[in-house]
Structures are given as C-alpha cells and as structure tokens.
Amino acid sequence: MGFRNFDFRLGVITERNHPLQGIPLKGKVFVFPTPRGSGGWSSFGKTTQYGANPTAMVYWKGNALTIRGAMWLGRPTVGECEEDPSKIIDTGDWVKVDGDRGIVEVTKKE
C-alpha cells in the first residue's frame, strides 16, 4: 500500500532502480541527498502508523514534501546539510541525530 514509489505500510522504497529499493527503513536513520519523486514523500510520515518508520532522517536538500514528511514522521530530522550526507555516511555507520540542534554525529563502522 502507498504510492508507486514508496510503501508506507512496509516502510520500503519501491521505486525501480532506486539504490534503496526494497530495503526496510524501520529502525534505521534514513540518509539521502534529495527526494526522488513526489508521491512517497507526501505520505512518508504514515510509516509511524504501521510501525515501519525510520528512527531519524538526514538529508542534503529537500522540498516542501520532504519537510511535510519529516513533520508527520515526528522523528529527529536534520536537513539542508552543508554537504551531501549520503557521501559521508555509509550503511552500517552509527548515526546520532539531534534534530533540535541540527547536529549529526557519525561513528564509522569498523
């Protein structure tokens, strides 16, 4: 269920050829450069209704739908970063997000 590029009940990106296609976001920090598409973002926050939500979001450049999704998500979010966080943060790194202060701390995986 959801839009053609995101299933909010499962918390999974379904867009073909997306680098995160099929990977559950539940319990993870969702790190991305910019939103792709639009439909998924308008309902992204609905993942909390199904327990499929990420614990936080970090992004480089967003738009109104990104902000709306973050507000609905109700989890720590840091956006409009100086650098693309997806080029700095790797899968498996430990990431701490302080949305109130706009701070992201990364401990690289060993």
C-alpha atoms as a PDB file:
ATOM      1  CA  MET A   1       0.000   0.000   0.000  1.00  0.00           C
ATOM      2  CA  GLY A   2       1.199   3.507  -0.648  1.00  0.00           C
ATOM      3  CA  PHE A   3       2.238   5.370  -3.709  1.00  0.00           C
ATOM      4  CA  ARG A   4       4.035   3.903  -6.675  1.00  0.00           C
ATOM      5  CA  ASN A   5       7.493   4.671  -5.301  1.00  0.00           C
ATOM      6  CA  PHE A   6       7.050   4.087  -1.546  1.00  0.00           C
ATOM      7  CA  ASP A   7       5.089   1.571   0.522  1.00  0.00           C
ATOM      8  CA  PHE A   8       4.416   3.324   3.830  1.00  0.00           C
ATOM      9  CA  ARG A   9       2.912   0.215   5.450  1.00  0.00           C
ATOM     10  CA  LEU A  10       6.182  -1.654   4.999  1.00  0.00           C
ATOM     11  CA  GLY A  11       8.472   1.394   5.124  1.00  0.00           C
ATOM     12  CA  VAL A  12      10.088   0.310   1.866  1.00  0.00           C
ATOM     13  CA  ILE A  13      11.060   2.285  -1.226  1.00  0.00           C
ATOM     14  CA  THR A  14       9.513   0.512  -4.201  1.00  0.00           C
ATOM     15  CA  GLU A  15      10.808   2.759  -6.970  1.00  0.00           C
ATOM     16  CA  ARG A  16      12.601   0.682  -9.593  1.00  0.00           C
ATOM     17  CA  ASN A  17      16.338   1.302  -9.884  1.00  0.00           C
ATOM     18  CA  HIS A  18      16.419   3.285  -6.623  1.00  0.00           C
ATOM     19  CA  PRO A  19      19.602   2.470  -4.650  1.00  0.00           C
ATOM     20  CA  LEU A  20      17.486   1.682  -1.552  1.00  0.00           C
ATOM     21  CA  GLN A  21      14.728  -0.245  -3.334  1.00  0.00           C
ATOM     22  CA  GLY A  22      13.341  -2.968  -1.094  1.00  0.00           C
ATOM     23  CA  ILE A  23      15.430  -2.107   1.975  1.00  0.00           C
ATOM     24  CA  PRO A  24      13.255  -1.589   5.064  1.00  0.00           C
ATOM     25  CA  LEU A  25      13.763   1.787   6.735  1.00  0.00           C
ATOM     26  CA  LYS A  26      12.341   0.623  10.072  1.00  0.00           C
ATOM     27  CA  GLY A  27      14.625   1.400  12.979  1.00  0.00           C
ATOM     28  CA  LYS A  28      17.298   2.995  10.782  1.00  0.00           C
ATOM     29  CA  VAL A  29      18.483   6.527  10.172  1.00  0.00           C
ATOM     30  CA  PHE A  30      17.314   7.337   6.657  1.00  0.00           C
ATOM     31  CA  VAL A  31      20.131   9.260   4.938  1.00  0.00           C
ATOM     32  CA  PHE A  32      19.599  10.646   1.450  1.00  0.00           C
ATOM     33  CA  PRO A  33      20.767  13.514  -0.762  1.00  0.00           C
ATOM     34  CA  THR A  34      17.442  14.769  -2.155  1.00  0.00           C
ATOM     35  CA  PRO A  35      13.936  13.378  -2.543  1.00  0.00           C
ATOM     36  CA  ARG A  36      13.155  11.445  -5.702  1.00  0.00           C
ATOM     37  CA  GLY A  37       9.632  11.628  -6.987  1.00  0.00           C
ATOM     38  CA  SER A  38       6.816  13.188  -5.031  1.00  0.00           C
ATOM     39  CA  GLY A  39       4.063  10.741  -4.119  1.00  0.00           C
ATOM     40  CA  GLY A  40       6.006   8.848  -1.495  1.00  0.00           C
ATOM     41  CA  TRP A  41       7.051  11.979   0.323  1.00  0.00           C
ATOM     42  CA  SER A  42       3.531  13.220   0.823  1.00  0.00           C
ATOM     43  CA  SER A  43       2.758  10.090   2.857  1.00  0.00           C
ATOM     44  CA  PHE A  44       6.192   9.263   4.260  1.00  0.00           C
ATOM     45  CA  GLY A  45       5.133  10.129   7.802  1.00  0.00           C
ATOM     46  CA  LYS A  46       2.401   7.487   7.651  1.00  0.00           C
ATOM     47  CA  THR A  47       5.050   4.856   8.358  1.00  0.00           C
ATOM     48  CA  THR A  48       4.603   5.604  12.074  1.00  0.00           C
ATOM     49  CA  GLN A  49       1.008   4.314  11.897  1.00  0.00           C
ATOM     50  CA  TYR A  50       2.341   0.910  10.859  1.00  0.00           C
ATOM     51  CA  GLY A  51       5.495   0.797  12.970  1.00  0.00           C
ATOM     52  CA  ALA A  52       7.601   0.866   9.810  1.00  0.00           C
ATOM     53  CA  ASN A  53       9.262   4.221  10.384  1.00  0.00           C
ATOM     54  CA  PRO A  54      12.928   5.126  10.447  1.00  0.00           C
ATOM     55  CA  THR A  55      14.267   6.467  13.744  1.00  0.00           C
ATOM     56  CA  ALA A  56      15.531   9.687  12.122  1.00  0.00           C
ATOM     57  CA  MET A  57      16.210  11.375   8.786  1.00  0.00           C
ATOM     58  CA  VAL A  58      19.238  13.249   7.470  1.00  0.00           C
ATOM     59  CA  TYR A  59      19.209  14.885   4.056  1.00  0.00           C
ATOM     60  CA  TRP A  60      21.120  17.392   1.975  1.00  0.00           C
ATOM     61  CA  LYS A  61      18.464  19.298   0.022  1.00  0.00           C
ATOM     62  CA  GLY A  62      14.732  18.913   0.445  1.00  0.00           C
ATOM     63  CA  ASN A  63      11.478  20.474  -0.608  1.00  0.00           C
ATOM     64  CA  ALA A  64       8.075  21.161   0.933  1.00  0.00           C
ATOM     65  CA  LEU A  65       7.101  17.477   0.732  1.00  0.00           C
ATOM     66  CA  THR A  66      10.304  16.425   2.483  1.00  0.00           C
ATOM     67  CA  ILE A  67       9.548  18.805   5.331  1.00  0.00           C
ATOM     68  CA  ARG A  68       5.939  17.651   5.489  1.00  0.00           C
ATOM     69  CA  GLY A  69       7.029  14.013   5.666  1.00  0.00           C
ATOM     70  CA  ALA A  70       9.516  14.844   8.425  1.00  0.00           C
ATOM     71  CA  MET A  71       6.831  16.644  10.416  1.00  0.00           C
ATOM     72  CA  TRP A  72       4.424  13.713  10.082  1.00  0.00           C
ATOM     73  CA  LEU A  73       7.207  11.309  10.940  1.00  0.00           C
ATOM     74  CA  GLY A  74       7.798  13.104  14.225  1.00  0.00           C
ATOM     75  CA  ARG A  75      11.358  11.809  14.491  1.00  0.00           C
ATOM     76  CA  PRO A  76      14.641  13.748  14.700  1.00  0.00           C
ATOM     77  CA  THR A  77      15.443  15.250  11.326  1.00  0.00           C
ATOM     78  CA  VAL A  78      18.357  17.322  10.084  1.00  0.00           C
ATOM     79  CA  GLY A  79      18.123  18.757   6.594  1.00  0.00           C
ATOM     80  CA  GLU A  80      19.747  21.295   4.344  1.00  0.00           C
ATOM     81  CA  CYS A  81      23.166  19.975   5.344  1.00  0.00           C
ATOM     82  CA  GLU A  82      26.286  21.763   4.107  1.00  0.00           C
ATOM     83  CA  GLU A  83      27.440  18.579   2.368  1.00  0.00           C
ATOM     84  CA  ASP A  84      25.597  15.598   0.937  1.00  0.00           C
ATOM     85  CA  PRO A  85      25.369  13.245   3.946  1.00  0.00           C
ATOM     86  CA  SER A  86      24.918  10.219   1.684  1.00  0.00           C
ATOM     87  CA  LYS A  87      28.508  10.725   0.510  1.00  0.00           C
ATOM     88  CA  ILE A  88      29.798  10.800   4.102  1.00  0.00           C
ATOM     89  CA  ILE A  89      27.602   8.277   5.937  1.00  0.00           C
ATOM     90  CA  ASP A  90      27.874   4.635   4.901  1.00  0.00           C
ATOM     91  CA  THR A  91      25.499   1.757   5.578  1.00  0.00           C
ATOM     92  CA  GLY A  92      26.432   0.305   8.939  1.00  0.00           C
ATOM     93  CA  ASP A  93      27.771   3.541  10.442  1.00  0.00           C
ATOM     94  CA  TRP A  94      26.318   4.571  13.807  1.00  0.00           C
ATOM     95  CA  VAL A  95      24.466   7.856  13.417  1.00  0.00           C
ATOM     96  CA  LYS A  96      23.121  10.083  16.196  1.00  0.00           C
ATOM     97  CA  VAL A  97      20.697  12.798  15.099  1.00  0.00           C
ATOM     98  CA  ASP A  98      19.842  15.830  17.241  1.00  0.00           C
ATOM     99  CA  GLY A  99      17.071  17.492  15.274  1.00  0.00           C
ATOM    100  CA  ASP A 100      16.616  20.300  17.800  1.00  0.00           C
ATOM    101  CA  ARG A 101      20.212  21.481  17.471  1.00  0.00           C
ATOM    102  CA  GLY A 102      20.756  20.380  13.865  1.00  0.00           C
ATOM    103  CA  ILE A 103      23.646  18.091  14.773  1.00  0.00           C
ATOM    104  CA  VAL A 104      24.534  14.752  13.196  1.00  0.00           C
ATOM    105  CA  GLU A 105      27.269  12.644  14.813  1.00  0.00           C
ATOM    106  CA  VAL A 106      28.716   9.740  12.840  1.00  0.00           C
ATOM    107  CA  THR A 107      30.789   6.863  14.175  1.00  0.00           C
ATOM    108  CA  LYS A 108      32.231   4.974  11.243  1.00  0.00           C
ATOM    109  CA  LYS A 109      31.798   1.201  11.226  1.00  0.00           C
ATOM    110  CA  GLU A 110      34.954  -0.726  11.909  1.00  0.00           C
END
